[in-house]
Amino acid sequence: PAANLGGGFDDFFGGPVSQTPKTNRKTLLTPDKGYGLQVDGCFAAGAGGGAVFDLCFTNRGSQPLVGFAMQINKNVYGLTLASKLQVPEPLVPGATYTTQHPVAFTGAVAPITDIQIALKSNAGVAYFVDQFPFQLVIDSTTSVGKQDFLNIWKGIAEESTQTLVLSNSNQNAIQQKLEAYGIGFVAKRANPPNDHLYYALITASRNTILIEIAVPQDGGKTASLCCRSDNPALYPAFEPFLSSVLK
C-alpha cells in the first residue's frame, strides 16, 4: 500500500490531509448528441465495495434540464442501475453535477459486452456506450473447491472451451497475478511434459469461468491456456482482460 505521506502531520495541521479522489472519467456523450448535455463517466470500484457508475453531467446548452432518467440495456453481465438516477433539478445552463451511482448485477442478460445506455431529459433521449472493466465483475469472496471444479468442468460442453497461448510461463508469477484479481488457485497436477494449473472465478452475476494452464516443465517460454464457462458470451470481454493481466 502507498505510504501515508501526510500521516505524521495530522496533529500539526489539525486533522488528516484531504486528497482529491482520482477519476478516470472520459467523455461518453458530447453536447451535440446529448441535446446540450455532456456526460463524462466511467465504471469504477465503489468506496464501500461493489461497483459504481462515476458520472459528471454538464449542461452546455441554453435551456434548463429536468426529468432525468437513465437505463442500461441488457448485457452479458446483467449490469443495471441499483436505483433510479437522481439529478438535482433544474440543471441550469453551465451547471455541473457529479455522482457515483451504484450498479447491480441483477438485470436481464443478453450476449452483449458493450454497455448501452439511454439517458432521458426534457430535451430528448440520448444514447451512448461504455465498457465495463472485467475485474469489477469478479466476486473475490467466492471460491471453487477441487471437486466442484471437476463437476462444473464436466458439466460444461466441450464446445464452450476457449484456448489461448500465453507468453508468460512463470508459475509463481501467473498465480500472483491471477490471485491479485480474485481468480483463485484450485490445484496443480504434473502431467509430463507439462504442469497443469487450475484456477476459477465466480462473477457477480453468478457465472463461472474455469481455467486450465499447461506450463512446460522444461522451462519453455510459452504456456497454453484453456477455459470453460457456463456463459461463453463472457469470453470476448474476459480474453483481453486475462491477456493484459498475464502479459
C-alpha atoms as a PDB file:
ATOM      1  CA  PRO A   1       0.000   0.000   0.000  1.00  0.00           C
ATOM      2  CA  ALA A   2       1.059   3.570  -0.645  1.00  0.00           C
ATOM      3  CA  ALA A   3       2.669   5.427   2.220  1.00  0.00           C
ATOM      4  CA  ASN A   4       0.507   7.954   4.037  1.00  0.00           C
ATOM      5  CA  LEU A   5       2.689  10.986   3.395  1.00  0.00           C
ATOM      6  CA  GLY A   6       0.537  13.287   5.487  1.00  0.00           C
ATOM      7  CA  GLY A   7       0.182  10.893   8.410  1.00  0.00           C
ATOM      8  CA  GLY A   8       2.924  12.431  10.525  1.00  0.00           C
ATOM      9  CA  PHE A   9       1.436  15.927  10.282  1.00  0.00           C
ATOM     10  CA  ASP A  10      -2.206  15.246  11.200  1.00  0.00           C
ATOM     11  CA  ASP A  11      -1.958  16.825  14.641  1.00  0.00           C
ATOM     12  CA  PHE A  12       0.138  19.741  13.373  1.00  0.00           C
ATOM     13  CA  PHE A  13      -2.413  20.741  10.742  1.00  0.00           C
ATOM     14  CA  GLY A  14      -5.420  19.880  12.874  1.00  0.00           C
ATOM     15  CA  GLY A  15      -6.520  16.736  11.033  1.00  0.00           C
ATOM     16  CA  PRO A  16      -5.818  14.400   8.125  1.00  0.00           C
ATOM     17  CA  VAL A  17      -4.803  15.934   4.819  1.00  0.00           C
ATOM     18  CA  SER A  18      -7.705  15.620   2.367  1.00  0.00           C
ATOM     19  CA  GLN A  19      -6.982  14.190  -1.065  1.00  0.00           C
ATOM     20  CA  THR A  20      -8.899  14.630  -4.302  1.00  0.00           C
ATOM     21  CA  PRO A  21     -10.193  11.212  -5.429  1.00  0.00           C
ATOM     22  CA  LYS A  22      -8.651  10.059  -8.675  1.00  0.00           C
ATOM     23  CA  THR A  23     -11.115   9.615 -11.503  1.00  0.00           C
ATOM     24  CA  ASN A  24     -10.774   8.008 -14.927  1.00  0.00           C
ATOM     25  CA  ARG A  25     -13.851   9.633 -16.401  1.00  0.00           C
ATOM     26  CA  LYS A  26     -13.960  10.082 -20.146  1.00  0.00           C
ATOM     27  CA  THR A  27     -16.496  11.847 -22.334  1.00  0.00           C
ATOM     28  CA  LEU A  28     -19.295   9.400 -23.074  1.00  0.00           C
ATOM     29  CA  LEU A  29     -21.836  11.841 -24.516  1.00  0.00           C
ATOM     30  CA  THR A  30     -20.972  15.082 -26.296  1.00  0.00           C
ATOM     31  CA  PRO A  31     -23.312  18.115 -26.182  1.00  0.00           C
ATOM     32  CA  ASP A  32     -24.111  17.892 -29.887  1.00  0.00           C
ATOM     33  CA  LYS A  33     -25.536  14.405 -29.386  1.00  0.00           C
ATOM     34  CA  GLY A  34     -26.901  14.992 -25.889  1.00  0.00           C
ATOM     35  CA  TYR A  35     -29.173  17.960 -26.660  1.00  0.00           C
ATOM     36  CA  GLY A  36     -26.735  20.269 -24.897  1.00  0.00           C
ATOM     37  CA  LEU A  37     -25.883  17.811 -22.139  1.00  0.00           C
ATOM     38  CA  GLN A  38     -22.335  16.471 -21.799  1.00  0.00           C
ATOM     39  CA  VAL A  39     -21.751  13.285 -19.825  1.00  0.00           C
ATOM     40  CA  ASP A  40     -18.312  12.242 -18.609  1.00  0.00           C
ATOM     41  CA  GLY A  41     -18.045   8.978 -16.733  1.00  0.00           C
ATOM     42  CA  CYS A  42     -16.591   5.562 -16.084  1.00  0.00           C
ATOM     43  CA  PHE A  43     -17.391   2.436 -14.132  1.00  0.00           C
ATOM     44  CA  ALA A  44     -15.280   2.081 -11.006  1.00  0.00           C
ATOM     45  CA  ALA A  45     -14.966   0.249  -7.702  1.00  0.00           C
ATOM     46  CA  GLY A  46     -17.142   1.789  -5.006  1.00  0.00           C
ATOM     47  CA  ALA A  47     -15.529   3.155  -1.861  1.00  0.00           C
ATOM     48  CA  GLY A  48     -17.663   0.839   0.277  1.00  0.00           C
ATOM     49  CA  GLY A  49     -17.423  -2.167  -2.041  1.00  0.00           C
ATOM     50  CA  GLY A  50     -19.338  -3.089  -5.144  1.00  0.00           C
ATOM     51  CA  ALA A  51     -19.228  -1.030  -8.326  1.00  0.00           C
ATOM     52  CA  VAL A  52     -20.458   2.427  -9.243  1.00  0.00           C
ATOM     53  CA  PHE A  53     -21.081   4.489 -12.355  1.00  0.00           C
ATOM     54  CA  ASP A  54     -18.935   7.579 -11.731  1.00  0.00           C
ATOM     55  CA  LEU A  55     -20.748  10.328 -13.659  1.00  0.00           C
ATOM     56  CA  CYS A  56     -20.415  14.041 -14.319  1.00  0.00           C
ATOM     57  CA  PHE A  57     -23.304  15.862 -16.021  1.00  0.00           C
ATOM     58  CA  THR A  58     -22.671  19.303 -17.530  1.00  0.00           C
ATOM     59  CA  ASN A  59     -25.378  21.416 -19.151  1.00  0.00           C
ATOM     60  CA  ARG A  60     -23.652  23.115 -22.076  1.00  0.00           C
ATOM     61  CA  GLY A  61     -26.938  24.046 -23.717  1.00  0.00           C
ATOM     62  CA  SER A  62     -29.173  27.104 -23.414  1.00  0.00           C
ATOM     63  CA  GLN A  63     -32.168  25.633 -21.556  1.00  0.00           C
ATOM     64  CA  PRO A  64     -32.591  24.191 -18.039  1.00  0.00           C
ATOM     65  CA  LEU A  65     -32.747  20.388 -17.980  1.00  0.00           C
ATOM     66  CA  VAL A  66     -35.217  18.386 -15.885  1.00  0.00           C
ATOM     67  CA  GLY A  67     -36.846  14.954 -15.876  1.00  0.00           C
ATOM     68  CA  PHE A  68     -33.678  12.876 -15.884  1.00  0.00           C
ATOM     69  CA  ALA A  69     -33.905   9.098 -16.230  1.00  0.00           C
ATOM     70  CA  MET A  70     -31.260   6.545 -17.179  1.00  0.00           C
ATOM     71  CA  GLN A  71     -31.481   2.923 -18.289  1.00  0.00           C
ATOM     72  CA  ILE A  72     -28.814   0.321 -19.046  1.00  0.00           C
ATOM     73  CA  ASN A  73     -29.674  -2.108 -21.830  1.00  0.00           C
ATOM     74  CA  LYS A  74     -29.442  -5.881 -21.414  1.00  0.00           C
ATOM     75  CA  ASN A  75     -25.830  -7.075 -21.342  1.00  0.00           C
ATOM     76  CA  VAL A  76     -23.688 -10.114 -20.660  1.00  0.00           C
ATOM     77  CA  TYR A  77     -23.076  -9.169 -17.013  1.00  0.00           C
ATOM     78  CA  GLY A  78     -26.682  -8.493 -16.028  1.00  0.00           C
ATOM     79  CA  LEU A  79     -25.437  -4.995 -15.163  1.00  0.00           C
ATOM     80  CA  THR A  80     -28.117  -2.472 -14.253  1.00  0.00           C
ATOM     81  CA  LEU A  81     -28.574   0.626 -12.124  1.00  0.00           C
ATOM     82  CA  ALA A  82     -29.152  -0.277  -8.476  1.00  0.00           C
ATOM     83  CA  SER A  83     -31.651   2.593  -8.099  1.00  0.00           C
ATOM     84  CA  LYS A  84     -33.223   5.404 -10.095  1.00  0.00           C
ATOM     85  CA  LEU A  85     -30.940   8.211 -11.196  1.00  0.00           C
ATOM     86  CA  GLN A  86     -31.423  11.352  -9.111  1.00  0.00           C
ATOM     87  CA  VAL A  87     -30.132  14.641 -10.549  1.00  0.00           C
ATOM     88  CA  PRO A  88     -30.914  17.908  -8.712  1.00  0.00           C
ATOM     89  CA  GLU A  89     -33.297  19.877 -10.920  1.00  0.00           C
ATOM     90  CA  PRO A  90     -33.222  22.062 -12.788  1.00  0.00           C
ATOM     91  CA  LEU A  91     -29.712  21.588 -14.145  1.00  0.00           C
ATOM     92  CA  VAL A  92     -29.308  25.131 -15.441  1.00  0.00           C
ATOM     93  CA  PRO A  93     -27.022  26.123 -18.322  1.00  0.00           C
ATOM     94  CA  GLY A  94     -23.389  25.984 -17.227  1.00  0.00           C
ATOM     95  CA  ALA A  95     -24.139  23.833 -14.156  1.00  0.00           C
ATOM     96  CA  THR A  96     -22.372  20.556 -13.356  1.00  0.00           C
ATOM     97  CA  TYR A  97     -23.486  17.636 -11.212  1.00  0.00           C
ATOM     98  CA  THR A  98     -21.343  14.646 -10.245  1.00  0.00           C
ATOM     99  CA  THR A  99     -22.430  11.382  -8.681  1.00  0.00           C
ATOM    100  CA  GLN A 100     -21.176   7.862  -8.034  1.00  0.00           C
ATOM    101  CA  HIS A 101     -24.296   5.882  -8.787  1.00  0.00           C
ATOM    102  CA  PRO A 102     -24.385   2.275  -7.512  1.00  0.00           C
ATOM    103  CA  VAL A 103     -24.835  -0.505 -10.052  1.00  0.00           C
ATOM    104  CA  ALA A 104     -26.010  -4.085  -9.556  1.00  0.00           C
ATOM    105  CA  PHE A 105     -25.804  -7.374 -11.449  1.00  0.00           C
ATOM    106  CA  THR A 106     -29.470  -8.267 -11.228  1.00  0.00           C
ATOM    107  CA  GLY A 107     -30.629  -7.119 -14.645  1.00  0.00           C
ATOM    108  CA  ALA A 108     -31.662  -9.047 -17.726  1.00  0.00           C
ATOM    109  CA  VAL A 109     -28.834 -10.864 -19.524  1.00  0.00           C
ATOM    110  CA  ALA A 110     -28.010 -10.817 -23.237  1.00  0.00           C
ATOM    111  CA  PRO A 111     -24.802 -11.795 -25.118  1.00  0.00           C
ATOM    112  CA  ILE A 112     -23.687  -8.163 -25.476  1.00  0.00           C
ATOM    113  CA  THR A 113     -20.424  -6.972 -23.876  1.00  0.00           C
ATOM    114  CA  ASP A 114     -20.967  -3.281 -24.698  1.00  0.00           C
ATOM    115  CA  ILE A 115     -22.836  -1.349 -22.029  1.00  0.00           C
ATOM    116  CA  GLN A 116     -25.518   0.530 -23.948  1.00  0.00           C
ATOM    117  CA  ILE A 117     -27.099   3.384 -22.038  1.00  0.00           C
ATOM    118  CA  ALA A 118     -30.154   5.574 -22.658  1.00  0.00           C
ATOM    119  CA  LEU A 119     -30.425   8.954 -20.904  1.00  0.00           C
ATOM    120  CA  LYS A 120     -33.670  10.907 -20.948  1.00  0.00           C
ATOM    121  CA  SER A 121     -34.361  14.525 -20.068  1.00  0.00           C
ATOM    122  CA  ASN A 122     -36.874  17.141 -21.147  1.00  0.00           C
ATOM    123  CA  ALA A 123     -34.592  17.851 -24.119  1.00  0.00           C
ATOM    124  CA  GLY A 124     -34.848  14.324 -25.530  1.00  0.00           C
ATOM    125  CA  VAL A 125     -33.429  10.823 -25.293  1.00  0.00           C
ATOM    126  CA  ALA A 126     -29.716  10.349 -25.926  1.00  0.00           C
ATOM    127  CA  TYR A 127     -27.753   7.126 -26.274  1.00  0.00           C
ATOM    128  CA  PHE A 128     -24.136   6.283 -25.525  1.00  0.00           C
ATOM    129  CA  VAL A 129     -21.903   3.262 -24.924  1.00  0.00           C
ATOM    130  CA  ASP A 130     -19.235   2.358 -22.377  1.00  0.00           C
ATOM    131  CA  GLN A 131     -17.228  -0.740 -21.430  1.00  0.00           C
ATOM    132  CA  PHE A 132     -17.359  -2.404 -18.033  1.00  0.00           C
ATOM    133  CA  PRO A 133     -13.951  -3.336 -16.529  1.00  0.00           C
ATOM    134  CA  PHE A 134     -13.927  -7.107 -16.191  1.00  0.00           C
ATOM    135  CA  GLN A 135     -12.149  -7.008 -12.835  1.00  0.00           C
ATOM    136  CA  LEU A 136     -15.237  -5.375 -11.335  1.00  0.00           C
ATOM    137  CA  VAL A 137     -17.308  -8.416 -12.331  1.00  0.00           C
ATOM    138  CA  ILE A 138     -15.217 -10.871 -10.313  1.00  0.00           C
ATOM    139  CA  ASP A 139     -16.578 -11.921  -6.920  1.00  0.00           C
ATOM    140  CA  SER A 140     -13.342 -12.392  -4.987  1.00  0.00           C
ATOM    141  CA  THR A 141     -15.235 -13.549  -1.880  1.00  0.00           C
ATOM    142  CA  THR A 142     -16.341 -16.817  -3.509  1.00  0.00           C
ATOM    143  CA  SER A 143     -14.003 -19.763  -4.140  1.00  0.00           C
ATOM    144  CA  VAL A 144     -14.291 -23.045  -6.025  1.00  0.00           C
ATOM    145  CA  GLY A 145     -13.038 -26.314  -4.479  1.00  0.00           C
ATOM    146  CA  LYS A 146     -11.359 -29.163  -6.365  1.00  0.00           C
ATOM    147  CA  GLN A 147     -14.426 -31.384  -6.538  1.00  0.00           C
ATOM    148  CA  ASP A 148     -16.687 -28.506  -7.514  1.00  0.00           C
ATOM    149  CA  PHE A 149     -14.198 -27.579 -10.240  1.00  0.00           C
ATOM    150  CA  LEU A 150     -14.301 -31.114 -11.669  1.00  0.00           C
ATOM    151  CA  ASN A 151     -18.084 -31.296 -11.527  1.00  0.00           C
ATOM    152  CA  ILE A 152     -18.537 -27.913 -13.184  1.00  0.00           C
ATOM    153  CA  TRP A 153     -15.884 -28.629 -15.847  1.00  0.00           C
ATOM    154  CA  LYS A 154     -17.543 -31.927 -16.797  1.00  0.00           C
ATOM    155  CA  GLY A 155     -20.941 -30.254 -16.869  1.00  0.00           C
ATOM    156  CA  ILE A 156     -19.900 -27.629 -19.433  1.00  0.00           C
ATOM    157  CA  ALA A 157     -19.947 -28.687 -23.083  1.00  0.00           C
ATOM    158  CA  GLU A 158     -16.541 -29.038 -24.730  1.00  0.00           C
ATOM    159  CA  GLU A 159     -17.762 -26.665 -27.436  1.00  0.00           C
ATOM    160  CA  SER A 160     -17.713 -23.946 -24.778  1.00  0.00           C
ATOM    161  CA  THR A 161     -13.933 -24.280 -24.339  1.00  0.00           C
ATOM    162  CA  GLN A 162     -11.751 -21.326 -25.342  1.00  0.00           C
ATOM    163  CA  THR A 163      -7.967 -21.591 -25.842  1.00  0.00           C
ATOM    164  CA  LEU A 164      -5.166 -19.027 -25.651  1.00  0.00           C
ATOM    165  CA  VAL A 165      -1.366 -19.011 -25.877  1.00  0.00           C
ATOM    166  CA  LEU A 166       0.459 -17.156 -23.091  1.00  0.00           C
ATOM    167  CA  SER A 167       3.928 -15.637 -23.348  1.00  0.00           C
ATOM    168  CA  ASN A 168       4.282 -15.960 -19.562  1.00  0.00           C
ATOM    169  CA  SER A 169       5.200 -19.428 -18.237  1.00  0.00           C
ATOM    170  CA  ASN A 170       6.384 -18.487 -14.734  1.00  0.00           C
ATOM    171  CA  GLN A 171       4.073 -20.407 -12.399  1.00  0.00           C
ATOM    172  CA  ASN A 172       4.587 -18.159  -9.376  1.00  0.00           C
ATOM    173  CA  ALA A 173       4.070 -15.002 -11.428  1.00  0.00           C
ATOM    174  CA  ILE A 174       0.913 -16.434 -13.002  1.00  0.00           C
ATOM    175  CA  GLN A 175      -0.554 -17.302  -9.614  1.00  0.00           C
ATOM    176  CA  GLN A 176       0.300 -13.941  -8.074  1.00  0.00           C
ATOM    177  CA  LYS A 177      -1.200 -12.007 -10.962  1.00  0.00           C
ATOM    178  CA  LEU A 178      -4.415 -14.033 -11.087  1.00  0.00           C
ATOM    179  CA  GLU A 179      -4.954 -14.022  -7.332  1.00  0.00           C
ATOM    180  CA  ALA A 180      -4.453 -10.256  -7.265  1.00  0.00           C
ATOM    181  CA  TYR A 181      -7.699 -10.020  -9.258  1.00  0.00           C
ATOM    182  CA  GLY A 182      -9.630 -12.543  -7.197  1.00  0.00           C
ATOM    183  CA  ILE A 183      -9.087 -15.505  -9.534  1.00  0.00           C
ATOM    184  CA  GLY A 184      -8.497 -18.364  -7.122  1.00  0.00           C
ATOM    185  CA  PHE A 185      -5.972 -21.187  -7.370  1.00  0.00           C
ATOM    186  CA  VAL A 186      -7.652 -24.605  -7.224  1.00  0.00           C
ATOM    187  CA  ALA A 187      -4.999 -27.268  -7.852  1.00  0.00           C
ATOM    188  CA  LYS A 188      -1.793 -28.270  -9.624  1.00  0.00           C
ATOM    189  CA  ARG A 189      -1.196 -31.550 -11.483  1.00  0.00           C
ATOM    190  CA  ALA A 190       2.027 -32.834 -13.048  1.00  0.00           C
ATOM    191  CA  ASN A 191       1.478 -34.489 -16.412  1.00  0.00           C
ATOM    192  CA  PRO A 192       4.804 -34.506 -18.312  1.00  0.00           C
ATOM    193  CA  PRO A 193       5.862 -32.616 -20.286  1.00  0.00           C
ATOM    194  CA  ASN A 194       3.661 -30.015 -18.572  1.00  0.00           C
ATOM    195  CA  ASP A 195       2.483 -28.894 -15.181  1.00  0.00           C
ATOM    196  CA  HIS A 196      -1.249 -28.159 -15.233  1.00  0.00           C
ATOM    197  CA  LEU A 197      -2.505 -25.289 -13.101  1.00  0.00           C
ATOM    198  CA  TYR A 198      -6.199 -24.876 -12.346  1.00  0.00           C
ATOM    199  CA  TYR A 199      -7.934 -21.618 -11.430  1.00  0.00           C
ATOM    200  CA  ALA A 200     -11.537 -20.494 -11.125  1.00  0.00           C
ATOM    201  CA  LEU A 201     -13.593 -17.364 -10.751  1.00  0.00           C
ATOM    202  CA  ILE A 202     -17.206 -16.601  -9.998  1.00  0.00           C
ATOM    203  CA  THR A 203     -18.757 -13.439 -11.412  1.00  0.00           C
ATOM    204  CA  ALA A 204     -21.076 -11.140  -9.524  1.00  0.00           C
ATOM    205  CA  SER A 205     -23.861 -12.399 -11.794  1.00  0.00           C
ATOM    206  CA  ARG A 206     -23.063 -15.967 -10.574  1.00  0.00           C
ATOM    207  CA  ASN A 207     -21.414 -17.246 -13.728  1.00  0.00           C
ATOM    208  CA  THR A 208     -18.336 -19.464 -13.522  1.00  0.00           C
ATOM    209  CA  ILE A 209     -15.134 -19.376 -15.545  1.00  0.00           C
ATOM    210  CA  LEU A 210     -12.720 -22.297 -15.092  1.00  0.00           C
ATOM    211  CA  ILE A 211      -9.118 -22.050 -16.264  1.00  0.00           C
ATOM    212  CA  GLU A 212      -6.509 -24.698 -17.045  1.00  0.00           C
ATOM    213  CA  ILE A 213      -2.944 -23.564 -17.817  1.00  0.00           C
ATOM    214  CA  ALA A 214      -0.358 -26.014 -19.164  1.00  0.00           C
ATOM    215  CA  VAL A 215       3.167 -24.844 -18.297  1.00  0.00           C
ATOM    216  CA  PRO A 216       6.172 -26.660 -19.853  1.00  0.00           C
ATOM    217  CA  GLN A 217       8.286 -28.448 -17.265  1.00  0.00           C
ATOM    218  CA  ASP A 218      11.423 -27.848 -19.359  1.00  0.00           C
ATOM    219  CA  GLY A 219      11.257 -24.096 -18.832  1.00  0.00           C
ATOM    220  CA  GLY A 220       9.679 -23.234 -22.157  1.00  0.00           C
ATOM    221  CA  LYS A 221       8.715 -19.587 -22.581  1.00  0.00           C
ATOM    222  CA  THR A 222       5.088 -20.084 -23.575  1.00  0.00           C
ATOM    223  CA  ALA A 223       2.148 -21.715 -21.853  1.00  0.00           C
ATOM    224  CA  SER A 224      -1.235 -22.766 -23.204  1.00  0.00           C
ATOM    225  CA  LEU A 225      -4.498 -21.878 -21.529  1.00  0.00           C
ATOM    226  CA  CYS A 226      -7.996 -23.147 -21.960  1.00  0.00           C
ATOM    227  CA  CYS A 227     -11.098 -22.061 -20.116  1.00  0.00           C
ATOM    228  CA  ARG A 228     -14.688 -23.132 -19.867  1.00  0.00           C
ATOM    229  CA  SER A 229     -17.668 -21.102 -18.776  1.00  0.00           C
ATOM    230  CA  ASP A 230     -21.358 -21.668 -18.289  1.00  0.00           C
ATOM    231  CA  ASN A 231     -21.729 -18.325 -20.086  1.00  0.00           C
ATOM    232  CA  PRO A 232     -19.433 -18.350 -23.174  1.00  0.00           C
ATOM    233  CA  ALA A 233     -20.686 -14.868 -24.065  1.00  0.00           C
ATOM    234  CA  LEU A 234     -18.226 -13.619 -21.419  1.00  0.00           C
ATOM    235  CA  TYR A 235     -15.202 -14.684 -23.490  1.00  0.00           C
ATOM    236  CA  PRO A 236     -14.944 -11.562 -25.706  1.00  0.00           C
ATOM    237  CA  ALA A 237     -14.544  -9.433 -22.559  1.00  0.00           C
ATOM    238  CA  PHE A 238     -12.610 -11.985 -20.497  1.00  0.00           C
ATOM    239  CA  GLU A 239      -9.883 -12.755 -23.064  1.00  0.00           C
ATOM    240  CA  PRO A 240      -8.401  -9.233 -23.375  1.00  0.00           C
ATOM    241  CA  PHE A 241      -8.636  -8.809 -19.598  1.00  0.00           C
ATOM    242  CA  LEU A 242      -6.792 -12.088 -18.984  1.00  0.00           C
ATOM    243  CA  SER A 243      -4.168 -11.286 -21.610  1.00  0.00           C
ATOM    244  CA  SER A 244      -3.465  -7.924 -20.011  1.00  0.00           C
ATOM    245  CA  VAL A 245      -3.183  -9.496 -16.545  1.00  0.00           C
ATOM    246  CA  LEU A 246      -0.774 -12.246 -17.644  1.00  0.00           C
ATOM    247  CA  LYS A 247       1.334 -10.283 -20.134  1.00  0.00           C
END
